[in-house]
Amino acid sequence: MRSFDRPDVGAEPTTITPYRNGPYLVRGPFTLRDQEGEEIPTSRRTIALCRCGKSRMRPYCDGTHKLIDFRAPGVLETWPPEPASE
């Protein structure tokens, strides 16, 4: 068993980064599961998850967000939106 397969043995942290107008990038040790709890096989330690909902490879990103002009910030959003600072 590789050390990154076990979170208690010298594992690096898993990070999820929302990219502005793009996908969520997941880096580090992780397990991806469907809504029934079944594991979705992954062969990489970094994956891009669709955030726009239009990918033909869901849950993975296929770049469709660029074609449909998807817009979302890469930072925490608040509701209601804060007024723009001048």
N, C-alpha and C. Protein backbone atom coordinates (compact mmCIF):
# COMPACT_ATOMS: atom_id res chain seq x y z
N MET A 1 0.84 -1.18 0.00
CA MET A 1 0.00 0.00 0.00
C MET A 1 0.88 1.24 0.00
N ARG A 2 0.58 2.16 -0.87
CA ARG A 2 1.35 3.40 -0.95
C ARG A 2 0.95 4.31 0.20
N SER A 3 1.86 5.18 0.65
CA SER A 3 1.57 6.03 1.80
C SER A 3 0.41 6.98 1.53
N PHE A 4 0.20 7.40 0.27
CA PHE A 4 -0.90 8.33 0.03
C PHE A 4 -2.26 7.62 0.00
N ASP A 5 -2.29 6.29 0.05
CA ASP A 5 -3.54 5.55 0.14
C ASP A 5 -4.09 5.55 1.56
N ARG A 6 -3.24 5.84 2.53
CA ARG A 6 -3.66 5.84 3.92
C ARG A 6 -3.49 7.24 4.49
N PRO A 7 -4.58 7.91 4.86
CA PRO A 7 -4.47 9.28 5.34
C PRO A 7 -3.68 9.44 6.62
N ASP A 8 -3.47 8.33 7.37
CA ASP A 8 -2.76 8.45 8.64
C ASP A 8 -1.25 8.24 8.51
N VAL A 9 -0.74 7.98 7.32
CA VAL A 9 0.69 7.71 7.16
C VAL A 9 1.31 8.74 6.23
N GLY A 10 1.77 9.83 6.78
CA GLY A 10 2.50 10.83 6.03
C GLY A 10 1.77 11.38 4.81
N ALA A 11 0.48 11.42 4.86
CA ALA A 11 -0.29 11.86 3.69
C ALA A 11 -0.27 13.38 3.57
N GLU A 12 -0.21 13.83 2.35
CA GLU A 12 -0.36 15.25 2.10
C GLU A 12 -1.86 15.57 2.20
N PRO A 13 -2.20 16.80 2.46
CA PRO A 13 -3.63 17.14 2.54
C PRO A 13 -4.29 17.13 1.16
N THR A 14 -5.56 16.82 1.14
CA THR A 14 -6.34 16.93 -0.09
C THR A 14 -6.81 18.37 -0.20
N THR A 15 -6.67 18.95 -1.38
CA THR A 15 -7.14 20.32 -1.58
C THR A 15 -8.12 20.34 -2.75
N ILE A 16 -9.16 21.17 -2.60
CA ILE A 16 -10.13 21.39 -3.66
C ILE A 16 -10.12 22.88 -3.95
N THR A 17 -9.81 23.23 -5.19
CA THR A 17 -9.68 24.63 -5.58
C THR A 17 -10.69 24.98 -6.66
N PRO A 18 -11.62 25.91 -6.37
CA PRO A 18 -12.53 26.35 -7.43
C PRO A 18 -11.81 27.36 -8.32
N TYR A 19 -11.73 27.07 -9.60
CA TYR A 19 -11.10 28.00 -10.53
C TYR A 19 -12.14 28.93 -11.12
N ARG A 20 -11.80 30.22 -11.17
CA ARG A 20 -12.73 31.21 -11.71
C ARG A 20 -13.19 30.79 -13.09
N ASN A 21 -14.50 30.76 -13.26
CA ASN A 21 -15.14 30.41 -14.54
C ASN A 21 -14.77 29.01 -15.03
N GLY A 22 -14.34 28.16 -14.12
CA GLY A 22 -13.91 26.82 -14.52
C GLY A 22 -14.25 25.76 -13.49
N PRO A 23 -13.50 24.66 -13.52
CA PRO A 23 -13.82 23.50 -12.69
C PRO A 23 -13.29 23.62 -11.26
N TYR A 24 -13.61 22.59 -10.48
CA TYR A 24 -12.96 22.37 -9.18
C TYR A 24 -11.77 21.46 -9.45
N LEU A 25 -10.58 21.85 -9.01
CA LEU A 25 -9.42 20.97 -9.11
C LEU A 25 -9.23 20.29 -7.77
N VAL A 26 -9.14 18.98 -7.79
CA VAL A 26 -8.95 18.18 -6.58
C VAL A 26 -7.54 17.60 -6.66
N ARG A 27 -6.73 17.90 -5.62
CA ARG A 27 -5.35 17.43 -5.59
C ARG A 27 -5.09 16.68 -4.29
N GLY A 28 -4.30 15.63 -4.39
CA GLY A 28 -3.93 14.87 -3.20
C GLY A 28 -4.68 13.57 -3.13
N PRO A 29 -4.58 12.87 -2.00
CA PRO A 29 -5.27 11.59 -1.86
C PRO A 29 -6.77 11.81 -1.68
N PHE A 30 -7.58 11.10 -2.45
CA PHE A 30 -9.03 11.23 -2.35
C PHE A 30 -9.68 9.98 -2.91
N THR A 31 -10.94 9.79 -2.58
CA THR A 31 -11.77 8.76 -3.17
C THR A 31 -12.99 9.45 -3.72
N LEU A 32 -13.32 9.20 -4.96
CA LEU A 32 -14.48 9.80 -5.61
C LEU A 32 -15.59 8.76 -5.64
N ARG A 33 -16.78 9.14 -5.16
CA ARG A 33 -17.91 8.20 -5.09
C ARG A 33 -19.13 8.80 -5.76
N ASP A 34 -20.00 7.91 -6.30
CA ASP A 34 -21.27 8.36 -6.86
C ASP A 34 -22.30 8.47 -5.73
N GLN A 35 -23.52 8.86 -6.06
CA GLN A 35 -24.52 9.10 -5.03
C GLN A 35 -24.95 7.82 -4.31
N GLU A 36 -24.69 6.66 -4.89
CA GLU A 36 -24.99 5.40 -4.21
C GLU A 36 -23.82 4.92 -3.35
N GLY A 37 -22.72 5.67 -3.35
CA GLY A 37 -21.56 5.31 -2.55
C GLY A 37 -20.57 4.42 -3.27
N GLU A 38 -20.82 4.14 -4.54
CA GLU A 38 -19.90 3.32 -5.32
C GLU A 38 -18.70 4.17 -5.75
N GLU A 39 -17.52 3.58 -5.66
CA GLU A 39 -16.31 4.31 -6.05
C GLU A 39 -16.26 4.53 -7.55
N ILE A 40 -15.91 5.75 -7.94
CA ILE A 40 -15.68 6.09 -9.34
C ILE A 40 -14.17 6.00 -9.54
N PRO A 41 -13.71 5.09 -10.41
CA PRO A 41 -12.27 4.90 -10.58
C PRO A 41 -11.58 6.18 -11.06
N THR A 42 -10.44 6.45 -10.47
CA THR A 42 -9.60 7.57 -10.91
C THR A 42 -8.18 7.03 -11.08
N SER A 43 -7.49 7.55 -12.07
CA SER A 43 -6.13 7.09 -12.31
C SER A 43 -5.11 8.20 -12.04
N ARG A 44 -5.60 9.35 -11.61
CA ARG A 44 -4.70 10.49 -11.38
C ARG A 44 -4.85 11.00 -9.96
N ARG A 45 -3.83 11.68 -9.48
CA ARG A 45 -3.89 12.28 -8.15
C ARG A 45 -4.42 13.71 -8.21
N THR A 46 -4.60 14.25 -9.41
CA THR A 46 -5.23 15.56 -9.59
C THR A 46 -6.31 15.38 -10.65
N ILE A 47 -7.53 15.81 -10.32
CA ILE A 47 -8.63 15.73 -11.28
C ILE A 47 -9.36 17.06 -11.32
N ALA A 48 -10.06 17.31 -12.41
CA ALA A 48 -10.90 18.50 -12.56
C ALA A 48 -12.35 18.04 -12.59
N LEU A 49 -13.14 18.55 -11.65
CA LEU A 49 -14.56 18.21 -11.58
C LEU A 49 -15.38 19.32 -12.19
N CYS A 50 -16.38 18.93 -13.00
CA CYS A 50 -17.25 19.88 -13.67
C CYS A 50 -18.00 20.73 -12.67
N ARG A 51 -18.06 22.02 -12.93
CA ARG A 51 -18.82 22.94 -12.09
C ARG A 51 -19.96 23.58 -12.87
N CYS A 52 -19.91 23.52 -14.20
CA CYS A 52 -20.95 24.17 -15.01
C CYS A 52 -22.15 23.26 -15.26
N GLY A 53 -21.97 21.94 -15.10
CA GLY A 53 -23.05 21.01 -15.30
C GLY A 53 -23.27 20.57 -16.74
N LYS A 54 -22.44 21.00 -17.65
CA LYS A 54 -22.64 20.70 -19.08
C LYS A 54 -21.61 19.74 -19.66
N SER A 55 -20.64 19.29 -18.88
CA SER A 55 -19.62 18.37 -19.38
C SER A 55 -20.25 17.07 -19.85
N ARG A 56 -19.70 16.50 -20.89
CA ARG A 56 -20.16 15.19 -21.37
C ARG A 56 -19.39 14.06 -20.69
N MET A 57 -18.53 14.41 -19.74
CA MET A 57 -17.74 13.41 -19.00
C MET A 57 -18.02 13.51 -17.50
N ARG A 58 -19.17 14.09 -17.12
CA ARG A 58 -19.44 14.30 -15.70
C ARG A 58 -19.22 13.03 -14.90
N PRO A 59 -18.59 13.14 -13.75
CA PRO A 59 -18.37 14.36 -12.98
C PRO A 59 -17.11 15.12 -13.38
N TYR A 60 -16.38 14.62 -14.38
CA TYR A 60 -15.14 15.28 -14.79
C TYR A 60 -15.41 16.45 -15.74
N CYS A 61 -14.51 17.40 -15.72
CA CYS A 61 -14.58 18.56 -16.62
C CYS A 61 -14.02 18.17 -17.99
N ASP A 62 -14.70 18.62 -19.05
CA ASP A 62 -14.19 18.40 -20.41
C ASP A 62 -13.93 19.72 -21.13
N GLY A 63 -13.99 20.84 -20.42
CA GLY A 63 -13.72 22.15 -21.02
C GLY A 63 -14.94 22.84 -21.58
N THR A 64 -16.12 22.24 -21.49
CA THR A 64 -17.34 22.84 -22.03
C THR A 64 -17.64 24.20 -21.42
N HIS A 65 -17.20 24.43 -20.19
CA HIS A 65 -17.46 25.72 -19.53
C HIS A 65 -16.96 26.88 -20.38
N LYS A 66 -15.91 26.68 -21.15
CA LYS A 66 -15.39 27.75 -22.02
C LYS A 66 -16.34 28.02 -23.18
N LEU A 67 -16.92 26.95 -23.73
CA LEU A 67 -17.83 27.10 -24.87
C LEU A 67 -19.15 27.77 -24.51
N ILE A 68 -19.62 27.53 -23.28
CA ILE A 68 -20.92 28.08 -22.88
C ILE A 68 -20.79 29.37 -22.09
N ASP A 69 -19.57 29.88 -21.95
CA ASP A 69 -19.29 31.13 -21.24
C ASP A 69 -19.75 31.06 -19.78
N PHE A 70 -19.45 29.92 -19.13
CA PHE A 70 -19.78 29.73 -17.72
C PHE A 70 -19.06 30.76 -16.87
N ARG A 71 -19.77 31.33 -15.91
CA ARG A 71 -19.19 32.34 -15.02
C ARG A 71 -19.42 31.95 -13.56
N ALA A 72 -18.36 31.90 -12.81
CA ALA A 72 -18.41 31.67 -11.37
C ALA A 72 -17.09 32.14 -10.79
N PRO A 73 -17.12 32.76 -9.64
CA PRO A 73 -15.87 33.24 -9.04
C PRO A 73 -15.03 32.08 -8.52
N GLY A 74 -13.79 32.34 -8.29
CA GLY A 74 -12.89 31.36 -7.70
C GLY A 74 -12.71 31.60 -6.22
N VAL A 75 -13.59 32.40 -5.63
CA VAL A 75 -13.52 32.73 -4.20
C VAL A 75 -14.88 32.45 -3.56
N LEU A 76 -14.94 32.54 -2.26
CA LEU A 76 -16.16 32.32 -1.52
C LEU A 76 -17.23 33.33 -1.93
N GLU A 77 -18.42 32.83 -2.24
CA GLU A 77 -19.54 33.71 -2.59
C GLU A 77 -20.41 33.90 -1.35
N THR A 78 -21.00 35.07 -1.23
CA THR A 78 -21.91 35.34 -0.12
C THR A 78 -23.28 35.63 -0.67
N TRP A 79 -24.30 35.39 0.16
CA TRP A 79 -25.67 35.70 -0.25
C TRP A 79 -26.34 36.45 0.86
N PRO A 80 -26.97 37.55 0.60
CA PRO A 80 -27.03 38.19 -0.71
C PRO A 80 -25.67 38.74 -1.11
N PRO A 81 -25.47 38.93 -2.42
CA PRO A 81 -24.17 39.45 -2.87
C PRO A 81 -23.84 40.78 -2.20
N GLU A 82 -22.59 40.94 -1.86
CA GLU A 82 -22.15 42.20 -1.27
C GLU A 82 -22.04 43.25 -2.37
N PRO A 83 -22.39 44.49 -2.06
CA PRO A 83 -22.27 45.54 -3.09
C PRO A 83 -20.81 45.73 -3.49
N ALA A 84 -20.61 46.07 -4.74
CA ALA A 84 -19.26 46.31 -5.25
C ALA A 84 -18.65 47.50 -4.56
N SER A 85 -17.39 47.38 -4.17
CA SER A 85 -16.71 48.51 -3.53
C SER A 85 -16.25 49.49 -4.58
N GLU A 86 -16.27 50.73 -4.23
CA GLU A 86 -15.88 51.78 -5.19
C GLU A 86 -14.49 52.25 -4.96
